[in-house]
Amino acid sequence: MDAARLVAEAERAMRRNPQPEDVIAEAWQAYELTEAVGRLLAPEGGNRAEWSGGTGNGAGARDGGRTEWDGGGPDECGGTTEWGAGADHGRPVVRAGPGPVVSAGTAPLRALRLTAVRDPAGTLRALRVLLGEIGQALVALVCTAEDETAYWIRVEALDAVDEAKDRVRVLTLVNFV
């Protein structure tokens, strides 16, 4: 599926008055989608793992930019999740194109359905706007966290969104400047 359609799905989900757990799920969905778009837009001849690994800090740096699948295990909700090689961040590592279906809550990751980026400039613009909206929602959630666990879950999601925004910025510079 084209990246622009997947971003539009996320925008619709954010317009439905999402609950805190929905905003957090959308943050991770957007993060994974940004990584998948980055892999498809990475310069030919460059190190694609480097481009999917992000800016070198934060959530994406922990997985080393790896995109292989190396088995599965039970997730916190009792389902089964495929974990990427070397992933220590408790989130699945996905790659663009066909792959195992991984659940984030009840919805499969949008990034797994990504097959093409037909309008790179438009997609990056839409991702930047989406990530900004999710970031604003997360800031409000961080400020209203009821306990320390909720606070840190929200901060981690905000960190992932910030890293994804950085990645969109870099992709825009590399592809259009």
Protein backbone atom coordinates (compact mmCIF):
# COMPACT_ATOMS: atom_id res chain seq x y z
CA MET A 1 0.00 0.00 0.00
CA ASP A 2 1.20 3.51 -0.74
CA ALA A 3 2.70 5.48 2.16
CA ALA A 4 0.33 8.42 1.68
CA ARG A 5 -2.69 6.15 2.27
CA LEU A 6 -1.10 4.76 5.43
CA VAL A 7 -0.40 8.27 6.76
CA ALA A 8 -4.04 9.20 6.01
CA GLU A 9 -5.18 6.19 8.08
CA ALA A 10 -3.12 7.45 11.01
CA GLU A 11 -4.53 10.97 10.61
CA ARG A 12 -8.06 9.58 10.73
CA ALA A 13 -7.24 7.60 13.87
CA MET A 14 -5.95 10.75 15.57
CA ARG A 15 -9.12 12.68 14.64
CA ARG A 16 -11.36 10.12 16.40
CA ASN A 17 -10.73 11.58 19.87
CA PRO A 18 -8.23 8.89 20.85
CA GLN A 19 -7.72 7.66 24.40
CA PRO A 20 -4.20 7.91 25.91
CA GLU A 21 -3.34 4.32 24.96
CA ASP A 22 -4.50 5.04 21.38
CA VAL A 23 -2.21 8.08 21.14
CA ILE A 24 0.73 6.02 22.41
CA ALA A 25 -0.06 3.26 19.90
CA GLU A 26 -0.28 5.84 17.09
CA ALA A 27 3.09 7.25 18.15
CA TRP A 28 4.76 3.86 17.74
CA GLN A 29 2.84 3.22 14.50
CA ALA A 30 4.10 6.54 13.11
CA TYR A 31 7.64 5.79 14.28
CA GLU A 32 7.66 2.40 12.53
CA LEU A 33 6.06 3.85 9.39
CA THR A 34 8.71 6.59 9.27
CA GLU A 35 11.45 3.96 9.51
CA ALA A 36 9.88 1.91 6.71
CA VAL A 37 9.51 4.99 4.49
CA GLY A 38 13.14 5.83 5.27
CA ARG A 39 14.26 2.41 4.11
CA LEU A 40 12.43 2.84 0.81
CA LEU A 41 13.75 6.37 0.27
CA ALA A 42 17.32 5.70 1.40
CA PRO A 43 19.84 6.68 -1.25
CA GLU A 44 20.83 3.87 -3.59
CA GLY A 45 24.37 2.74 -2.95
CA GLY A 46 24.19 4.09 0.59
CA ASN A 47 24.02 2.02 3.73
CA ARG A 48 20.30 1.32 4.08
CA ALA A 49 20.78 0.07 7.64
CA GLU A 50 22.30 3.45 8.49
CA TRP A 51 19.24 5.26 7.11
CA SER A 52 16.76 2.99 8.88
CA GLY A 53 18.71 3.36 12.12
CA GLY A 54 17.91 7.04 12.37
CA THR A 55 19.88 9.81 13.91
CA GLY A 56 22.09 7.67 16.09
CA ASN A 57 20.39 8.38 19.39
CA GLY A 58 17.13 7.55 21.08
CA ALA A 59 14.75 4.69 20.44
CA GLY A 60 15.89 3.68 16.95
CA ALA A 61 19.57 3.58 17.79
CA ARG A 62 18.98 0.73 20.21
CA ASP A 63 18.06 -1.69 17.43
CA GLY A 64 21.15 -0.82 15.40
CA GLY A 65 19.06 -0.27 12.28
CA ARG A 66 18.52 -4.00 11.87
CA THR A 67 15.62 -5.15 9.79
CA GLU A 68 15.80 -8.93 10.02
CA TRP A 69 13.33 -11.17 11.83
CA ASP A 70 14.77 -13.73 14.20
CA GLY A 71 11.89 -15.38 15.98
CA GLY A 72 9.02 -14.54 18.18
CA GLY A 73 7.80 -14.57 21.71
CA PRO A 74 4.80 -13.72 23.82
CA ASP A 75 4.00 -10.06 24.14
CA GLU A 76 2.60 -8.30 27.21
CA CYS A 77 -0.98 -8.85 26.06
CA GLY A 78 -0.59 -12.60 25.56
CA GLY A 79 -0.21 -12.42 21.77
CA THR A 80 2.85 -13.28 19.75
CA THR A 81 5.23 -10.66 18.48
CA GLU A 82 8.17 -11.03 16.12
CA TRP A 83 11.30 -9.43 17.56
CA GLY A 84 14.13 -8.03 15.46
CA ALA A 85 17.69 -9.16 15.91
CA GLY A 86 19.36 -7.23 18.69
CA ALA A 87 16.20 -5.38 19.68
CA ASP A 88 16.34 -4.48 23.36
CA HIS A 89 13.62 -1.85 23.33
CA GLY A 90 10.61 -4.16 23.59
CA ARG A 91 9.17 -3.19 20.21
CA PRO A 92 9.05 -5.19 17.02
CA VAL A 93 11.45 -4.29 14.24
CA VAL A 94 9.67 -4.16 10.89
CA ARG A 95 10.68 -3.83 7.28
CA ALA A 96 8.80 -2.50 4.30
CA GLY A 97 7.09 -5.06 2.15
CA PRO A 98 5.60 -8.44 2.96
CA GLY A 99 6.46 -9.78 6.37
CA PRO A 100 4.97 -11.40 9.43
CA VAL A 101 1.94 -9.65 10.84
CA VAL A 102 2.79 -8.03 14.15
CA SER A 103 0.20 -6.54 16.44
CA ALA A 104 0.53 -3.25 18.26
CA GLY A 105 -2.46 -3.48 20.53
CA THR A 106 -5.24 -4.76 18.33
CA ALA A 107 -4.20 -3.28 14.98
CA PRO A 108 -1.40 -4.63 12.80
CA LEU A 109 1.49 -2.26 12.21
CA ARG A 110 0.82 -0.05 9.20
CA ALA A 111 4.49 -0.21 8.26
CA LEU A 112 4.09 -3.88 7.36
CA ARG A 113 1.59 -2.90 4.64
CA LEU A 114 3.92 -0.33 3.06
CA THR A 115 4.90 -1.27 -0.48
CA ALA A 116 5.61 2.06 -2.18
CA VAL A 117 6.17 5.77 -1.73
CA ARG A 118 4.66 7.27 -4.88
CA ASP A 119 4.93 10.90 -3.78
CA PRO A 120 8.01 11.16 -1.54
CA ALA A 121 7.76 14.92 -0.96
CA GLY A 122 4.05 14.79 -0.14
CA THR A 123 4.49 11.75 2.09
CA LEU A 124 7.30 13.36 4.05
CA ARG A 125 5.23 16.53 4.47
CA ALA A 126 2.23 14.50 5.69
CA LEU A 127 4.44 12.48 8.07
CA ARG A 128 5.91 15.70 9.49
CA VAL A 129 2.41 17.08 10.18
CA LEU A 130 1.19 13.77 11.64
CA LEU A 131 4.23 13.46 13.90
CA GLY A 132 3.69 17.04 15.08
CA GLU A 133 0.07 16.32 16.00
CA ILE A 134 0.99 13.12 17.82
CA GLY A 135 3.80 14.93 19.61
CA GLN A 136 1.44 17.64 20.85
CA ALA A 137 -1.04 15.04 22.08
CA LEU A 138 1.76 13.18 23.89
CA VAL A 139 3.01 16.34 25.60
CA ALA A 140 -0.49 16.85 27.01
CA LEU A 141 -0.56 13.22 28.14
CA VAL A 142 2.86 13.46 29.79
CA CYS A 143 1.64 16.46 31.77
CA THR A 144 -1.40 14.54 33.01
CA ALA A 145 0.27 11.19 33.79
CA GLU A 146 -1.22 9.71 36.94
CA ASP A 147 1.76 7.61 37.97
CA GLU A 148 5.43 7.14 37.17
CA THR A 149 4.88 4.13 34.89
CA ALA A 150 2.38 6.02 32.73
CA TYR A 151 4.71 9.00 32.66
CA TRP A 152 7.68 6.99 31.35
CA ILE A 153 5.60 5.10 28.78
CA ARG A 154 4.45 8.45 27.40
CA VAL A 155 7.95 9.95 27.48
CA GLU A 156 9.32 6.96 25.53
CA ALA A 157 6.60 7.40 22.90
CA LEU A 158 7.38 11.13 22.72
CA ASP A 159 11.07 10.33 22.28
CA ALA A 160 10.22 7.98 19.40
CA VAL A 161 8.10 10.68 17.74
CA ASP A 162 10.90 13.23 18.09
CA GLU A 163 13.36 10.78 16.56
CA ALA A 164 10.95 10.09 13.70
CA LYS A 165 10.64 13.86 13.08
CA ASP A 166 14.43 14.07 12.90
CA ARG A 167 14.47 11.21 10.41
CA VAL A 168 11.85 12.92 8.23
CA ARG A 169 13.97 16.09 8.29
CA VAL A 170 17.07 14.16 7.17
CA LEU A 171 15.16 12.31 4.45
CA THR A 172 13.79 15.60 3.16
CA LEU A 173 17.27 17.12 3.01
CA VAL A 174 18.82 14.09 1.34
CA ASN A 175 16.08 13.63 -1.24
CA PHE A 176 14.99 17.18 -2.04
CA VAL A 177 17.78 19.67 -1.34
